[in-house]
N, C-alpha and C. Protein backbone atom coordinates (compact mmCIF):
# COMPACT_ATOMS: atom_id res chain seq x y z
N MET A 1 0.80 -1.23 0.01
CA MET A 1 -0.06 0.03 0.05
C MET A 1 0.76 1.26 -0.04
N SER A 2 1.99 1.14 0.77
CA SER A 2 2.81 2.40 0.91
C SER A 2 3.56 2.68 -0.46
N TYR A 3 3.89 1.47 -1.11
CA TYR A 3 4.43 1.68 -2.41
C TYR A 3 3.60 2.25 -3.43
N GLN A 4 2.29 1.69 -3.41
CA GLN A 4 1.32 2.47 -4.49
C GLN A 4 1.06 3.76 -4.10
N LEU A 5 1.17 4.25 -2.99
CA LEU A 5 0.94 5.69 -2.55
C LEU A 5 2.15 6.44 -3.08
N SER A 6 3.30 5.78 -2.90
CA SER A 6 4.56 6.58 -3.43
C SER A 6 4.65 6.72 -4.98
N VAL A 7 3.97 5.70 -5.70
CA VAL A 7 3.90 5.74 -7.11
C VAL A 7 3.05 6.76 -7.57
N ILE A 8 1.69 6.76 -6.79
CA ILE A 8 0.84 7.81 -7.10
C ILE A 8 1.26 9.02 -6.81
N SER A 9 1.97 9.44 -5.92
CA SER A 9 2.61 10.62 -5.50
C SER A 9 3.63 10.96 -6.51
N TYR A 10 4.38 10.01 -7.15
CA TYR A 10 5.37 10.37 -8.11
C TYR A 10 4.65 10.77 -9.27
N GLN A 11 3.63 10.07 -9.68
CA GLN A 11 2.62 10.32 -10.88
C GLN A 11 2.19 11.82 -10.82
N LEU A 12 1.71 12.08 -9.71
CA LEU A 12 1.13 13.45 -9.56
C LEU A 12 2.13 14.54 -9.64
N SER A 13 3.31 14.18 -9.00
CA SER A 13 4.39 15.19 -9.28
C SER A 13 4.79 15.31 -10.50
N VAL A 14 4.79 14.31 -11.39
CA VAL A 14 5.01 14.39 -12.99
C VAL A 14 3.96 15.19 -13.63
N ILE A 15 2.84 14.91 -13.32
CA ILE A 15 1.76 15.81 -13.82
C ILE A 15 1.95 17.17 -13.53
N SER A 16 2.02 17.37 -12.34
CA SER A 16 2.26 18.90 -11.90
C SER A 16 3.30 19.63 -12.54
N TYR A 17 4.54 18.80 -12.74
CA TYR A 17 5.52 19.44 -13.66
C TYR A 17 5.22 19.50 -15.06
N GLN A 18 4.54 18.74 -15.64
CA GLN A 18 3.90 18.80 -17.06
C GLN A 18 2.96 20.01 -17.14
N LEU A 19 2.25 20.21 -16.14
CA LEU A 19 1.32 21.22 -16.22
C LEU A 19 2.05 22.74 -16.02
N SER A 20 3.05 22.58 -15.23
CA SER A 20 3.72 23.99 -14.97
C SER A 20 4.53 24.26 -16.43
N VAL A 21 5.10 23.38 -17.01
CA VAL A 21 5.73 23.41 -18.34
C VAL A 21 4.72 24.08 -19.43
N ILE A 22 3.38 23.35 -19.54
CA ILE A 22 2.36 23.98 -20.27
C ILE A 22 2.13 25.31 -20.03
N SER A 23 1.95 25.55 -18.66
CA SER A 23 1.72 26.95 -18.20
C SER A 23 2.69 27.88 -18.77
N TYR A 24 3.99 27.62 -18.66
CA TYR A 24 5.03 28.43 -19.04
C TYR A 24 5.02 28.66 -20.44
N GLN A 25 4.83 27.53 -21.35
CA GLN A 25 4.80 27.71 -22.79
C GLN A 25 3.60 28.49 -23.17
N LEU A 26 2.43 28.41 -22.47
CA LEU A 26 1.31 29.31 -22.92
C LEU A 26 1.67 30.82 -22.45
N SER A 27 2.42 30.93 -21.32
CA SER A 27 2.72 32.39 -21.14
C SER A 27 3.76 32.90 -22.24
N VAL A 28 4.60 31.99 -22.63
CA VAL A 28 5.45 32.40 -23.78
C VAL A 28 4.61 32.85 -25.09
N ILE A 29 3.75 31.98 -25.49
CA ILE A 29 2.96 32.18 -26.53
C ILE A 29 2.16 33.40 -26.43
N SER A 30 1.69 33.84 -25.21
CA SER A 30 0.86 34.86 -24.96
C SER A 30 1.91 36.24 -25.35
N TYR A 31 3.11 36.10 -24.72
CA TYR A 31 3.83 37.25 -24.90
C TYR A 31 4.17 37.42 -26.39
N GLN A 32 4.36 36.47 -27.22
CA GLN A 32 4.65 36.55 -28.46
C GLN A 32 3.65 37.17 -29.39
N LEU A 33 2.32 36.70 -28.92
CA LEU A 33 1.28 37.34 -29.60
C LEU A 33 1.01 38.53 -29.21
N SER A 34 1.45 39.16 -27.94
CA SER A 34 1.17 40.56 -27.60
C SER A 34 2.27 41.30 -28.50
N VAL A 35 3.42 40.68 -28.64
CA VAL A 35 4.40 41.34 -29.59
C VAL A 35 3.86 41.61 -31.11
N ILE A 36 3.53 40.37 -31.47
CA ILE A 36 2.93 40.47 -32.73
C ILE A 36 1.85 41.63 -33.02
N SER A 37 0.91 41.55 -32.06
CA SER A 37 -0.19 42.46 -31.91
C SER A 37 0.42 44.04 -32.13
N TYR A 38 1.48 44.25 -31.08
CA TYR A 38 1.97 45.60 -31.18
C TYR A 38 2.65 45.96 -32.51
N GLN A 39 3.47 44.92 -33.23
CA GLN A 39 4.07 45.23 -34.54
C GLN A 39 3.10 45.39 -35.50
N LEU A 40 1.79 44.77 -35.58
CA LEU A 40 0.78 44.99 -36.50
C LEU A 40 0.12 46.44 -36.26
N SER A 41 0.09 46.70 -34.94
CA SER A 41 -0.60 48.09 -34.80
C SER A 41 0.45 49.18 -35.14
N VAL A 42 1.87 48.98 -35.25
CA VAL A 42 2.78 49.83 -35.74
C VAL A 42 2.67 49.98 -37.23
N ILE A 43 2.55 48.73 -37.87
CA ILE A 43 2.45 48.64 -39.24
C ILE A 43 1.18 49.51 -39.70
N SER A 44 0.02 49.22 -39.00
CA SER A 44 -1.26 49.87 -39.33
C SER A 44 -1.04 51.33 -39.28
N TYR A 45 -0.26 51.76 -38.12
CA TYR A 45 -0.13 53.35 -38.06
C TYR A 45 0.62 53.77 -39.34
N GLN A 46 1.75 53.18 -39.54
CA GLN A 46 2.71 53.45 -40.77
C GLN A 46 1.89 53.69 -41.93
N LEU A 47 1.04 52.77 -42.06
CA LEU A 47 0.37 52.70 -43.40
C LEU A 47 -0.81 53.68 -43.34
N SER A 48 -1.25 54.03 -42.28
CA SER A 48 -2.13 55.23 -42.23
C SER A 48 -1.49 56.66 -42.58
N VAL A 49 -0.21 56.69 -42.07
CA VAL A 49 0.58 57.83 -42.29
C VAL A 49 0.86 58.01 -43.79
N ILE A 50 1.21 56.75 -44.42
CA ILE A 50 1.61 56.83 -45.69
C ILE A 50 0.14 57.01 -46.77
N SER A 51 -0.85 56.60 -46.24
CA SER A 51 -2.09 56.91 -46.87
C SER A 51 -2.39 58.36 -46.77
N TYR A 52 -2.23 58.86 -45.66
CA TYR A 52 -2.41 60.47 -45.43
C TYR A 52 -1.53 61.20 -46.20
N GLN A 53 -0.32 60.78 -46.33
CA GLN A 53 0.66 61.62 -47.33
C GLN A 53 0.29 61.57 -48.75
N LEU A 54 -0.12 60.29 -49.17
CA LEU A 54 -0.47 60.27 -50.48
C LEU A 54 -1.76 61.00 -50.85
N SER A 55 -2.68 61.11 -49.92
CA SER A 55 -3.84 61.86 -50.22
C SER A 55 -3.64 63.52 -50.23
N VAL A 56 -2.72 63.90 -49.38
CA VAL A 56 -2.15 65.11 -49.29
C VAL A 56 -1.33 65.54 -50.65
N ARG A 57 -0.63 64.68 -51.14
CA ARG A 57 -0.11 64.82 -52.37
C ARG A 57 -0.95 64.84 -53.55
N LYS A 58 -1.88 64.23 -53.64
CA LYS A 58 -2.91 64.25 -54.62
C LYS A 58 -3.68 65.57 -54.65
N GLY A 59 -3.87 66.18 -53.43
CA GLY A 59 -4.53 67.45 -53.34
C GLY A 59 -3.92 68.64 -53.69
N ILE A 60 -2.39 68.29 -53.83
CA ILE A 60 -1.51 69.50 -54.27
C ILE A 60 -1.64 69.71 -55.67
């Protein structure tokens, strides 16, 4: 019985470790997505500036 409990305890610790790894990976993915989102917002801003400049030049 004691052996079975130790095996179960070990398995639970392995599962806990795996979950912590998954949690870390998800946090990394979340960070990468936020970086991508920021880069896309910068690109969007740059495109709006270019669009504005082109419209001003057409008006001249």
